[in-house]
């Protein structure tokens, strides 16, 4: 199962409408209902820059980045999402609705997750490189991606967001 499109080559990257359409289509066809488009040229880049293409029913397990200096910036290009900050035990401490043009930045060691609120949501993500798979620690209090209970957990997050909004 392909989780990312190919890294670009060359000194300049220009994001075309065709590439956006390719990313959206790939996310729709992905069993994970999302697709990553790296902008950085290789996994050893000191700054990892990527576009994430999300569908509404994707589940991203809450996690943190333990590596010192592993801050993360999220900028919504299209669509919308809810971004959650969690306490150590899994309680939501903060939630934010982000739409086109909105940005959130978190430091390392912050439990976080998101819920996609619109189909074809596109997000620019920037974080410290080089890529290191050990720099993503999944929350043991949240279900695994694709695992039992992940759909229910996603629904519960949506419900808590609605309650916070007074719906």
N, C-alpha and C. Protein backbone atom coordinates (compact mmCIF):
# COMPACT_ATOMS: atom_id res chain seq x y z
N UNK A 1 0.84 -1.17 0.00
CA UNK A 1 0.00 0.00 0.00
C UNK A 1 0.90 1.24 0.00
N UNK A 2 0.78 2.02 -1.02
CA UNK A 2 1.58 3.23 -1.16
C UNK A 2 1.05 4.31 -0.21
N UNK A 3 1.95 4.85 0.63
CA UNK A 3 1.56 5.88 1.58
C UNK A 3 2.00 7.27 1.16
N UNK A 4 2.89 7.34 0.15
CA UNK A 4 3.40 8.64 -0.28
C UNK A 4 3.69 8.63 -1.77
N UNK A 5 3.54 9.79 -2.36
CA UNK A 5 3.95 9.99 -3.75
C UNK A 5 5.47 10.17 -3.76
N UNK A 6 6.06 10.20 -4.92
CA UNK A 6 7.51 10.31 -5.02
C UNK A 6 8.00 11.70 -4.64
N UNK A 7 9.21 11.75 -4.07
CA UNK A 7 9.85 13.03 -3.77
C UNK A 7 10.16 13.74 -5.08
N UNK A 8 10.04 15.07 -5.09
CA UNK A 8 10.42 15.81 -6.30
C UNK A 8 11.94 15.84 -6.46
N UNK A 9 12.37 16.23 -7.63
CA UNK A 9 13.80 16.40 -7.90
C UNK A 9 14.04 17.83 -8.35
N UNK A 10 15.30 18.23 -8.37
CA UNK A 10 15.64 19.56 -8.86
C UNK A 10 15.67 20.60 -7.75
N UNK A 11 16.14 21.77 -8.09
CA UNK A 11 16.31 22.84 -7.11
C UNK A 11 15.03 23.60 -6.80
N UNK A 12 14.03 23.52 -7.68
CA UNK A 12 12.80 24.29 -7.51
C UNK A 12 11.60 23.34 -7.60
N UNK A 13 10.67 23.51 -6.67
CA UNK A 13 9.42 22.76 -6.71
C UNK A 13 8.29 23.76 -6.87
N UNK A 14 7.45 23.55 -7.86
CA UNK A 14 6.26 24.37 -8.09
C UNK A 14 5.06 23.44 -8.00
N UNK A 15 4.10 23.77 -7.15
CA UNK A 15 2.90 22.95 -6.99
C UNK A 15 1.85 23.37 -8.01
N UNK A 16 1.55 22.48 -8.91
CA UNK A 16 0.57 22.76 -9.96
C UNK A 16 -0.81 22.24 -9.56
N UNK A 17 -1.83 22.74 -10.23
CA UNK A 17 -3.19 22.24 -10.01
C UNK A 17 -3.27 20.76 -10.34
N UNK A 18 -2.51 20.32 -11.34
CA UNK A 18 -2.50 18.91 -11.71
C UNK A 18 -1.94 18.05 -10.57
N UNK A 19 -0.90 18.52 -9.89
CA UNK A 19 -0.34 17.77 -8.77
C UNK A 19 -1.32 17.72 -7.59
N UNK A 20 -2.04 18.82 -7.36
CA UNK A 20 -3.05 18.82 -6.31
C UNK A 20 -4.13 17.79 -6.63
N UNK A 21 -4.58 17.79 -7.87
CA UNK A 21 -5.59 16.81 -8.29
C UNK A 21 -5.06 15.38 -8.15
N UNK A 22 -3.79 15.17 -8.49
CA UNK A 22 -3.18 13.84 -8.34
C UNK A 22 -3.16 13.41 -6.87
N UNK A 23 -2.80 14.33 -5.97
CA UNK A 23 -2.78 14.01 -4.54
C UNK A 23 -4.16 13.71 -4.00
N UNK A 24 -5.15 14.51 -4.40
CA UNK A 24 -6.52 14.28 -3.96
C UNK A 24 -7.02 12.93 -4.46
N UNK A 25 -6.80 12.63 -5.73
CA UNK A 25 -7.23 11.35 -6.29
C UNK A 25 -6.56 10.18 -5.56
N UNK A 26 -5.26 10.31 -5.30
CA UNK A 26 -4.53 9.24 -4.60
C UNK A 26 -5.10 9.03 -3.20
N UNK A 27 -5.49 10.12 -2.52
CA UNK A 27 -6.06 9.99 -1.17
C UNK A 27 -7.42 9.31 -1.22
N UNK A 28 -8.19 9.60 -2.25
CA UNK A 28 -9.50 8.96 -2.40
C UNK A 28 -9.37 7.47 -2.65
N UNK A 29 -8.32 7.08 -3.36
CA UNK A 29 -8.12 5.67 -3.72
C UNK A 29 -7.36 4.88 -2.65
N UNK A 30 -6.73 5.57 -1.72
CA UNK A 30 -5.94 4.93 -0.68
C UNK A 30 -6.84 4.27 0.37
N UNK A 31 -6.47 3.08 0.81
CA UNK A 31 -7.24 2.43 1.87
C UNK A 31 -7.15 3.23 3.17
N UNK A 32 -6.10 4.01 3.34
CA UNK A 32 -5.94 4.86 4.53
C UNK A 32 -6.71 6.16 4.39
N UNK A 33 -7.17 6.47 3.16
CA UNK A 33 -7.96 7.66 2.85
C UNK A 33 -7.15 8.94 3.05
N UNK A 34 -5.85 8.82 2.78
CA UNK A 34 -4.95 9.97 2.79
C UNK A 34 -3.71 9.63 1.99
N UNK A 35 -3.02 10.69 1.56
CA UNK A 35 -1.79 10.51 0.78
C UNK A 35 -0.85 11.65 1.10
N UNK A 36 0.41 11.31 1.17
CA UNK A 36 1.47 12.27 1.45
C UNK A 36 2.20 12.61 0.15
N UNK A 37 2.44 13.90 -0.07
CA UNK A 37 3.25 14.34 -1.20
C UNK A 37 4.46 15.09 -0.63
N UNK A 38 5.62 14.42 -0.57
CA UNK A 38 6.80 15.13 -0.07
C UNK A 38 7.18 16.28 -1.00
N UNK A 39 7.64 17.35 -0.39
CA UNK A 39 8.19 18.46 -1.15
C UNK A 39 9.71 18.46 -1.02
N UNK A 40 10.19 17.97 0.13
CA UNK A 40 11.64 17.86 0.33
C UNK A 40 12.19 16.82 -0.65
N UNK A 41 13.43 16.98 -1.03
CA UNK A 41 13.99 16.17 -2.12
C UNK A 41 14.38 14.75 -1.69
N UNK A 42 14.73 14.56 -0.40
CA UNK A 42 15.05 13.21 0.07
C UNK A 42 14.78 13.13 1.57
N UNK A 43 14.77 11.91 2.09
CA UNK A 43 14.43 11.68 3.49
C UNK A 43 15.48 12.21 4.46
N UNK A 44 16.65 12.56 3.95
CA UNK A 44 17.72 13.10 4.80
C UNK A 44 17.64 14.62 4.95
N UNK A 45 16.70 15.26 4.29
CA UNK A 45 16.56 16.72 4.39
C UNK A 45 16.35 17.12 5.85
N UNK A 46 17.01 18.20 6.25
CA UNK A 46 16.93 18.65 7.64
C UNK A 46 15.58 19.28 7.98
N UNK A 47 14.87 19.72 6.96
CA UNK A 47 13.51 20.22 7.14
C UNK A 47 12.61 19.39 6.24
N UNK A 48 11.66 18.68 6.84
CA UNK A 48 10.72 17.85 6.09
C UNK A 48 9.50 18.71 5.75
N UNK A 49 9.21 18.85 4.46
CA UNK A 49 8.08 19.64 3.99
C UNK A 49 7.20 18.73 3.14
N UNK A 50 5.93 18.72 3.42
CA UNK A 50 5.06 17.80 2.70
C UNK A 50 3.63 18.31 2.66
N UNK A 51 2.92 17.86 1.65
CA UNK A 51 1.48 18.09 1.57
C UNK A 51 0.79 16.80 1.97
N UNK A 52 -0.21 16.93 2.82
CA UNK A 52 -1.05 15.80 3.18
C UNK A 52 -2.42 16.02 2.55
N UNK A 53 -2.88 15.02 1.82
CA UNK A 53 -4.20 15.06 1.20
C UNK A 53 -5.07 14.11 2.01
N UNK A 54 -6.15 14.63 2.57
CA UNK A 54 -6.99 13.86 3.49
C UNK A 54 -8.43 13.76 2.98
N UNK A 55 -9.03 12.61 3.28
CA UNK A 55 -10.47 12.44 3.12
C UNK A 55 -11.10 12.43 4.51
N UNK A 56 -12.39 12.75 4.56
CA UNK A 56 -13.09 12.92 5.83
C UNK A 56 -13.02 11.71 6.75
N UNK A 57 -12.99 10.53 6.18
CA UNK A 57 -13.06 9.32 7.00
C UNK A 57 -11.70 8.74 7.35
N UNK A 58 -10.62 9.49 7.12
CA UNK A 58 -9.31 9.00 7.52
C UNK A 58 -9.16 9.11 9.04
N UNK A 59 -8.37 8.22 9.61
CA UNK A 59 -8.09 8.26 11.05
C UNK A 59 -6.58 8.37 11.22
N UNK A 60 -6.15 9.43 11.89
CA UNK A 60 -4.75 9.63 12.23
C UNK A 60 -4.64 9.44 13.74
N UNK A 61 -3.97 8.39 14.15
CA UNK A 61 -3.84 8.09 15.58
C UNK A 61 -3.09 9.21 16.30
N UNK A 62 -3.63 9.69 17.42
CA UNK A 62 -2.90 10.69 18.19
C UNK A 62 -1.49 10.21 18.51
N UNK A 63 -0.56 11.16 18.56
CA UNK A 63 0.85 10.82 18.74
C UNK A 63 1.61 12.03 19.24
N UNK A 64 2.88 11.80 19.55
CA UNK A 64 3.78 12.91 19.84
C UNK A 64 5.12 12.63 19.17
N UNK A 65 5.93 13.68 19.08
CA UNK A 65 7.27 13.59 18.51
C UNK A 65 8.26 13.85 19.64
N UNK A 66 8.96 12.80 20.11
CA UNK A 66 9.80 12.95 21.29
C UNK A 66 11.17 13.60 21.05
N UNK A 67 11.60 13.64 19.82
CA UNK A 67 12.94 14.14 19.52
C UNK A 67 13.05 15.62 19.86
N UNK A 68 14.13 15.99 20.50
CA UNK A 68 14.38 17.39 20.86
C UNK A 68 14.33 18.25 19.60
N UNK A 69 13.59 19.35 19.66
CA UNK A 69 13.48 20.25 18.52
C UNK A 69 12.52 19.79 17.43
N UNK A 70 11.73 18.75 17.71
CA UNK A 70 10.81 18.20 16.70
C UNK A 70 9.49 18.96 16.68
N UNK A 71 9.56 20.25 16.43
CA UNK A 71 8.33 21.03 16.31
C UNK A 71 7.62 20.65 15.01
N UNK A 72 6.36 21.01 14.93
CA UNK A 72 5.56 20.68 13.75
C UNK A 72 4.63 21.84 13.44
N UNK A 73 4.59 22.22 12.18
CA UNK A 73 3.72 23.28 11.72
C UNK A 73 2.73 22.71 10.72
N UNK A 74 1.45 23.04 10.91
CA UNK A 74 0.37 22.61 10.03
C UNK A 74 -0.31 23.85 9.48
N UNK A 75 -0.41 23.93 8.15
CA UNK A 75 -1.08 25.05 7.48
C UNK A 75 -2.13 24.46 6.55
N UNK A 76 -3.38 24.83 6.74
CA UNK A 76 -4.46 24.30 5.91
C UNK A 76 -4.51 25.07 4.60
N UNK A 77 -4.38 24.34 3.51
CA UNK A 77 -4.41 24.92 2.16
C UNK A 77 -5.84 24.91 1.63
N UNK A 78 -6.55 23.81 1.84
CA UNK A 78 -7.94 23.66 1.36
C UNK A 78 -8.68 22.74 2.32
N UNK A 79 -9.99 22.92 2.42
CA UNK A 79 -10.78 22.07 3.30
C UNK A 79 -10.72 22.55 4.74
N UNK A 80 -10.96 21.63 5.67
CA UNK A 80 -10.90 21.99 7.09
C UNK A 80 -10.66 20.76 7.94
N UNK A 81 -10.15 21.02 9.13
CA UNK A 81 -9.90 19.94 10.09
C UNK A 81 -10.00 20.48 11.50
N UNK A 82 -10.13 19.57 12.43
CA UNK A 82 -10.04 19.90 13.85
C UNK A 82 -8.72 19.37 14.34
N UNK A 83 -8.00 20.19 15.08
CA UNK A 83 -6.69 19.80 15.62
C UNK A 83 -6.83 19.74 17.13
N UNK A 84 -6.42 18.61 17.72
CA UNK A 84 -6.57 18.38 19.15
C UNK A 84 -5.21 18.31 19.83
N UNK A 85 -5.15 18.88 21.03
CA UNK A 85 -4.02 18.73 21.94
C UNK A 85 -4.55 17.88 23.10
N UNK A 86 -3.78 16.86 23.47
CA UNK A 86 -4.21 15.94 24.52
C UNK A 86 -3.29 16.01 25.73
N UNK A 87 -3.86 15.70 26.88
CA UNK A 87 -3.08 15.49 28.10
C UNK A 87 -2.40 14.11 27.98
N UNK A 88 -1.49 13.85 28.87
CA UNK A 88 -0.73 12.59 28.88
C UNK A 88 -1.64 11.35 28.88
N UNK A 89 -2.79 11.44 29.59
CA UNK A 89 -3.68 10.29 29.72
C UNK A 89 -4.74 10.22 28.62
N UNK A 90 -4.76 11.21 27.72
CA UNK A 90 -5.68 11.15 26.59
C UNK A 90 -6.84 12.12 26.63
N UNK A 91 -6.99 12.87 27.71
CA UNK A 91 -8.06 13.86 27.74
C UNK A 91 -7.71 15.03 26.81
N UNK A 92 -8.72 15.55 26.14
CA UNK A 92 -8.51 16.71 25.26
C UNK A 92 -8.30 17.94 26.13
N UNK A 93 -7.19 18.63 25.90
CA UNK A 93 -6.96 19.88 26.65
C UNK A 93 -7.29 21.10 25.80
N UNK A 94 -7.13 20.99 24.48
CA UNK A 94 -7.44 22.10 23.58
C UNK A 94 -7.90 21.52 22.24
N UNK A 95 -8.76 22.27 21.57
CA UNK A 95 -9.16 21.89 20.21
C UNK A 95 -9.30 23.16 19.37
N UNK A 96 -8.98 23.01 18.10
CA UNK A 96 -8.99 24.13 17.17
C UNK A 96 -9.64 23.69 15.87
N UNK A 97 -10.50 24.52 15.32
CA UNK A 97 -11.02 24.31 13.97
C UNK A 97 -10.14 25.13 13.02
N UNK A 98 -9.59 24.46 12.02
CA UNK A 98 -8.71 25.13 11.08
C UNK A 98 -9.28 25.05 9.68
N UNK A 99 -9.31 26.18 9.00
CA UNK A 99 -9.77 26.24 7.62
C UNK A 99 -8.68 26.81 6.75
N UNK A 100 -8.97 27.04 5.47
CA UNK A 100 -7.96 27.54 4.55
C UNK A 100 -7.26 28.79 5.08
N UNK A 101 -5.94 28.74 5.08
CA UNK A 101 -5.14 29.85 5.56
C UNK A 101 -4.76 29.77 7.03
N UNK A 102 -5.45 28.91 7.80
CA UNK A 102 -5.13 28.78 9.23
C UNK A 102 -3.87 27.95 9.42
N UNK A 103 -3.17 28.24 10.51
CA UNK A 103 -1.90 27.58 10.81
C UNK A 103 -1.83 27.29 12.30
N UNK A 104 -1.27 26.15 12.63
CA UNK A 104 -0.99 25.82 14.03
C UNK A 104 0.43 25.28 14.10
N UNK A 105 1.13 25.61 15.17
CA UNK A 105 2.51 25.18 15.36
C UNK A 105 2.65 24.64 16.77
N UNK A 106 3.22 23.45 16.90
CA UNK A 106 3.42 22.85 18.22
C UNK A 106 4.89 22.47 18.40
N UNK A 107 5.30 22.47 19.63
CA UNK A 107 6.65 22.05 19.98
C UNK A 107 6.70 20.53 20.13
N UNK A 108 7.89 20.00 20.28
CA UNK A 108 8.09 18.57 20.51
C UNK A 108 7.39 18.14 21.80
N UNK A 109 7.10 16.86 21.87
CA UNK A 109 6.56 16.23 23.09
C UNK A 109 5.16 16.70 23.45
N UNK A 110 4.38 17.11 22.46
CA UNK A 110 2.99 17.51 22.66
C UNK A 110 2.10 16.45 22.01
N UNK A 111 1.24 15.81 22.81
CA UNK A 111 0.30 14.84 22.25
C UNK A 111 -0.69 15.59 21.37
N UNK A 112 -0.88 15.12 20.14
CA UNK A 112 -1.78 15.80 19.21
C UNK A 112 -2.40 14.82 18.23
N UNK A 113 -3.48 15.26 17.61
CA UNK A 113 -4.16 14.49 16.60
C UNK A 113 -5.11 15.39 15.84
N UNK A 114 -5.74 14.83 14.84
CA UNK A 114 -6.65 15.65 14.04
C UNK A 114 -7.82 14.82 13.54
N UNK A 115 -8.87 15.55 13.20
CA UNK A 115 -10.05 14.98 12.56
C UNK A 115 -10.32 15.82 11.33
N UNK A 116 -10.41 15.18 10.19
CA UNK A 116 -10.67 15.88 8.94
C UNK A 116 -12.17 16.16 8.84
N UNK A 117 -12.53 17.40 8.54
CA UNK A 117 -13.93 17.82 8.55
C UNK A 117 -14.54 17.96 7.16
N UNK A 118 -13.71 17.97 6.11
CA UNK A 118 -14.22 18.11 4.74
C UNK A 118 -13.45 17.16 3.82
N UNK A 119 -14.12 16.63 2.81
CA UNK A 119 -13.38 15.84 1.82
C UNK A 119 -12.36 16.71 1.10
N UNK A 120 -11.33 16.07 0.62
CA UNK A 120 -10.29 16.72 -0.18
C UNK A 120 -9.57 17.85 0.58
N UNK A 121 -9.37 17.65 1.87
CA UNK A 121 -8.62 18.61 2.68
C UNK A 121 -7.13 18.47 2.36
N UNK A 122 -6.47 19.60 2.18
CA UNK A 122 -5.04 19.63 1.83
C UNK A 122 -4.32 20.45 2.89
N UNK A 123 -3.24 19.88 3.42
CA UNK A 123 -2.50 20.49 4.51
C UNK A 123 -1.02 20.50 4.16
N UNK A 124 -0.37 21.62 4.40
CA UNK A 124 1.08 21.72 4.32
C UNK A 124 1.63 21.45 5.71
N UNK A 125 2.53 20.48 5.82
CA UNK A 125 3.14 20.12 7.09
C UNK A 125 4.65 20.35 6.99
N UNK A 126 5.20 20.96 8.02
CA UNK A 126 6.64 21.23 8.07
C UNK A 126 7.14 20.75 9.42
N UNK A 127 8.19 19.94 9.41
CA UNK A 127 8.77 19.50 10.67
C UNK A 127 10.25 19.17 10.50
N UNK A 128 10.89 18.93 11.61
CA UNK A 128 12.31 18.66 11.63
C UNK A 128 12.64 17.34 10.92
N UNK A 129 13.72 17.37 10.18
CA UNK A 129 14.26 16.17 9.56
C UNK A 129 15.60 15.85 10.19
N UNK A 130 16.31 14.87 9.69
CA UNK A 130 15.84 13.95 8.66
C UNK A 130 14.76 13.01 9.21
N UNK A 131 14.08 12.34 8.30
CA UNK A 131 13.02 11.41 8.68
C UNK A 131 13.58 10.36 9.63
N UNK A 132 12.86 10.13 10.72
CA UNK A 132 13.24 9.13 11.71
C UNK A 132 11.95 8.49 12.22
N UNK A 133 11.69 7.22 11.87
CA UNK A 133 10.43 6.59 12.28
C UNK A 133 10.25 6.52 13.80
N UNK A 134 11.33 6.59 14.56
CA UNK A 134 11.20 6.53 16.02
C UNK A 134 10.72 7.87 16.60
N UNK A 135 10.62 8.91 15.75
CA UNK A 135 10.17 10.22 16.23
C UNK A 135 8.66 10.38 16.17
N UNK A 136 7.95 9.29 16.12
CA UNK A 136 6.48 9.33 16.18
C UNK A 136 6.05 8.25 17.15
N UNK A 137 5.60 8.67 18.32
CA UNK A 137 5.17 7.73 19.35
C UNK A 137 3.65 7.74 19.40
N UNK A 138 3.01 6.62 19.02
CA UNK A 138 1.55 6.58 19.04
C UNK A 138 1.02 6.53 20.48
N UNK A 139 -0.14 7.14 20.68
CA UNK A 139 -0.78 7.13 21.99
C UNK A 139 -1.32 5.74 22.29
N UNK A 140 -0.93 5.18 23.43
CA UNK A 140 -1.45 3.85 23.77
C UNK A 140 -2.90 3.90 24.23
N UNK A 141 -3.43 5.08 24.50
CA UNK A 141 -4.82 5.25 24.90
C UNK A 141 -5.76 5.44 23.71
N UNK A 142 -5.23 5.42 22.50
CA UNK A 142 -6.06 5.57 21.29
C UNK A 142 -5.89 4.32 20.42
N UNK A 143 -6.93 3.90 19.72
CA UNK A 143 -6.83 2.70 18.88
C UNK A 143 -5.81 2.88 17.75
N UNK A 144 -5.29 1.74 17.31
CA UNK A 144 -4.38 1.73 16.17
C UNK A 144 -5.14 2.14 14.91
N UNK A 145 -4.40 2.70 13.96
CA UNK A 145 -5.00 3.02 12.67
C UNK A 145 -5.45 1.72 12.01
N UNK A 146 -6.69 1.67 11.58
CA UNK A 146 -7.23 0.48 10.96
C UNK A 146 -7.61 -0.61 11.94
N UNK A 147 -7.41 -0.35 13.23
CA UNK A 147 -7.70 -1.35 14.25
C UNK A 147 -9.12 -1.26 14.77
N UNK A 148 -9.47 -2.24 15.61
CA UNK A 148 -10.78 -2.24 16.25
C UNK A 148 -10.97 -0.97 17.06
N UNK A 149 -12.09 -0.34 16.90
CA UNK A 149 -12.42 0.83 17.68
C UNK A 149 -11.96 2.15 17.09
N UNK A 150 -11.21 2.12 15.99
CA UNK A 150 -10.72 3.39 15.44
C UNK A 150 -11.87 4.24 14.90
N UNK A 151 -12.84 3.63 14.28
CA UNK A 151 -14.00 4.38 13.78
C UNK A 151 -14.81 4.98 14.92
N UNK A 152 -14.99 4.21 16.00
CA UNK A 152 -15.72 4.72 17.17
C UNK A 152 -14.96 5.87 17.82
N UNK A 153 -13.64 5.75 17.89
CA UNK A 153 -12.83 6.80 18.51
C UNK A 153 -12.91 8.09 17.67
N UNK A 154 -12.84 7.93 16.36
CA UNK A 154 -12.97 9.08 15.47
C UNK A 154 -14.33 9.76 15.67
N UNK A 155 -15.38 8.95 15.77
CA UNK A 155 -16.72 9.48 16.02
C UNK A 155 -16.82 10.21 17.36
N UNK A 156 -16.14 9.67 18.38
CA UNK A 156 -16.16 10.31 19.70
C UNK A 156 -15.44 11.67 19.66
N UNK A 157 -14.34 11.75 18.91
CA UNK A 157 -13.65 13.03 18.77
C UNK A 157 -14.55 14.05 18.07
N UNK A 158 -15.25 13.60 17.02
CA UNK A 158 -16.18 14.50 16.31
C UNK A 158 -17.27 14.99 17.27
N UNK A 159 -17.78 14.09 18.08
CA UNK A 159 -18.85 14.43 19.03
C UNK A 159 -18.35 15.45 20.06
N UNK A 160 -17.16 15.25 20.57
CA UNK A 160 -16.60 16.19 21.55
C UNK A 160 -16.37 17.56 20.91
N UNK A 161 -15.98 17.58 19.64
CA UNK A 161 -15.81 18.85 18.95
C UNK A 161 -17.16 19.56 18.81
N UNK A 162 -18.20 18.80 18.44
CA UNK A 162 -19.53 19.38 18.32
C UNK A 162 -20.02 19.95 19.66
N UNK A 163 -19.75 19.22 20.75
CA UNK A 163 -20.15 19.68 22.07
C UNK A 163 -19.41 20.96 22.44
N UNK A 164 -18.13 21.03 22.12
CA UNK A 164 -17.34 22.23 22.43
C UNK A 164 -17.86 23.43 21.63
N UNK A 165 -18.40 23.14 20.44
CA UNK A 165 -18.95 24.21 19.59
C UNK A 165 -20.36 24.59 20.01
N UNK A 166 -20.95 23.82 20.92
CA UNK A 166 -22.31 24.11 21.35
C UNK A 166 -23.37 23.55 20.44
N UNK A 167 -22.98 22.58 19.60
CA UNK A 167 -23.96 22.00 18.66
C UNK A 167 -24.86 21.01 19.37
